[in-house]
Amino acid sequence: MAQDPVCKMEVDEKKAAKKEYKGKTYHFCSPTCQWAFETEPEQFTQAEP
């Protein structure tokens, strides 16, 4: 299982939409989360404080 970087939902890596960004693959629960990530990827790839 992978975690959607936008909504933090657990997703099945084999079935989820995916996008590669800076050499890492991210998985998404829905097209909406994928769109949000593609619009502003740095917002979702920064380390949490």
C-alpha atoms as a PDB file:
ATOM      1  CA  MET A   1       0.000   0.000   0.000  1.00  0.00           C
ATOM      2  CA  ALA A   2       1.071   3.550  -0.685  1.00  0.00           C
ATOM      3  CA  GLN A   3      -0.096   6.844   0.761  1.00  0.00           C
ATOM      4  CA  ASP A   4      -1.691   9.533  -1.376  1.00  0.00           C
ATOM      5  CA  PRO A   5       0.461  12.640  -0.745  1.00  0.00           C
ATOM      6  CA  VAL A   6      -2.551  14.960  -1.027  1.00  0.00           C
ATOM      7  CA  CYS A   7      -5.233  13.416   1.205  1.00  0.00           C
ATOM      8  CA  LYS A   8      -3.017  10.864   3.019  1.00  0.00           C
ATOM      9  CA  MET A   9      -5.381   8.010   2.120  1.00  0.00           C
ATOM     10  CA  GLU A  10      -3.904   4.509   1.741  1.00  0.00           C
ATOM     11  CA  VAL A  11      -4.084   3.337  -1.882  1.00  0.00           C
ATOM     12  CA  ASP A  12      -3.282   0.099  -3.690  1.00  0.00           C
ATOM     13  CA  GLU A  13      -0.141   0.764  -5.753  1.00  0.00           C
ATOM     14  CA  LYS A  14      -1.271  -1.672  -8.447  1.00  0.00           C
ATOM     15  CA  LYS A  15      -4.621   0.070  -9.033  1.00  0.00           C
ATOM     16  CA  ALA A  16      -3.920   3.711  -8.178  1.00  0.00           C
ATOM     17  CA  ALA A  17      -3.078   6.493 -10.594  1.00  0.00           C
ATOM     18  CA  LYS A  18       0.576   7.442 -10.382  1.00  0.00           C
ATOM     19  CA  LYS A  19       2.927  10.272 -11.229  1.00  0.00           C
ATOM     20  CA  GLU A  20       6.698  10.439 -11.114  1.00  0.00           C
ATOM     21  CA  TYR A  21       8.196  13.619  -9.694  1.00  0.00           C
ATOM     22  CA  LYS A  22      11.895  14.256  -9.092  1.00  0.00           C
ATOM     23  CA  GLY A  23      12.679  10.541  -9.358  1.00  0.00           C
ATOM     24  CA  LYS A  24      10.004   9.374  -6.919  1.00  0.00           C
ATOM     25  CA  THR A  25       6.656   7.783  -7.794  1.00  0.00           C
ATOM     26  CA  TYR A  26       3.544   9.098  -6.050  1.00  0.00           C
ATOM     27  CA  HIS A  27       0.181   7.286  -6.023  1.00  0.00           C
ATOM     28  CA  PHE A  28      -3.273   8.880  -5.885  1.00  0.00           C
ATOM     29  CA  CYS A  29      -6.724   7.807  -4.746  1.00  0.00           C
ATOM     30  CA  SER A  30      -8.516   9.906  -7.363  1.00  0.00           C
ATOM     31  CA  PRO A  31      -8.019  12.156 -10.382  1.00  0.00           C
ATOM     32  CA  THR A  32      -8.783  15.130  -8.124  1.00  0.00           C
ATOM     33  CA  CYS A  33      -5.839  14.380  -5.829  1.00  0.00           C
ATOM     34  CA  GLN A  34      -3.591  13.768  -8.829  1.00  0.00           C
ATOM     35  CA  TRP A  35      -4.646  17.126 -10.314  1.00  0.00           C
ATOM     36  CA  ALA A  36      -3.961  18.915  -7.002  1.00  0.00           C
ATOM     37  CA  PHE A  37      -0.497  17.350  -6.874  1.00  0.00           C
ATOM     38  CA  GLU A  38       0.297  18.230 -10.492  1.00  0.00           C
ATOM     39  CA  THR A  39      -0.832  21.819  -9.907  1.00  0.00           C
ATOM     40  CA  GLU A  40       1.493  22.406  -6.950  1.00  0.00           C
ATOM     41  CA  PRO A  41       3.750  19.383  -6.288  1.00  0.00           C
ATOM     42  CA  GLU A  42       6.140  21.176  -3.937  1.00  0.00           C
ATOM     43  CA  GLN A  43       3.280  21.693  -1.485  1.00  0.00           C
ATOM     44  CA  PHE A  44       2.887  17.916  -1.146  1.00  0.00           C
ATOM     45  CA  THR A  45       6.516  16.807  -1.299  1.00  0.00           C
ATOM     46  CA  GLN A  46       7.998  18.932   1.469  1.00  0.00           C
ATOM     47  CA  ALA A  47       8.974  17.121   4.677  1.00  0.00           C
ATOM     48  CA  GLU A  48       6.478  17.628   7.467  1.00  0.00           C
ATOM     49  CA  PRO A  49       7.697  19.726  10.405  1.00  0.00           C
END
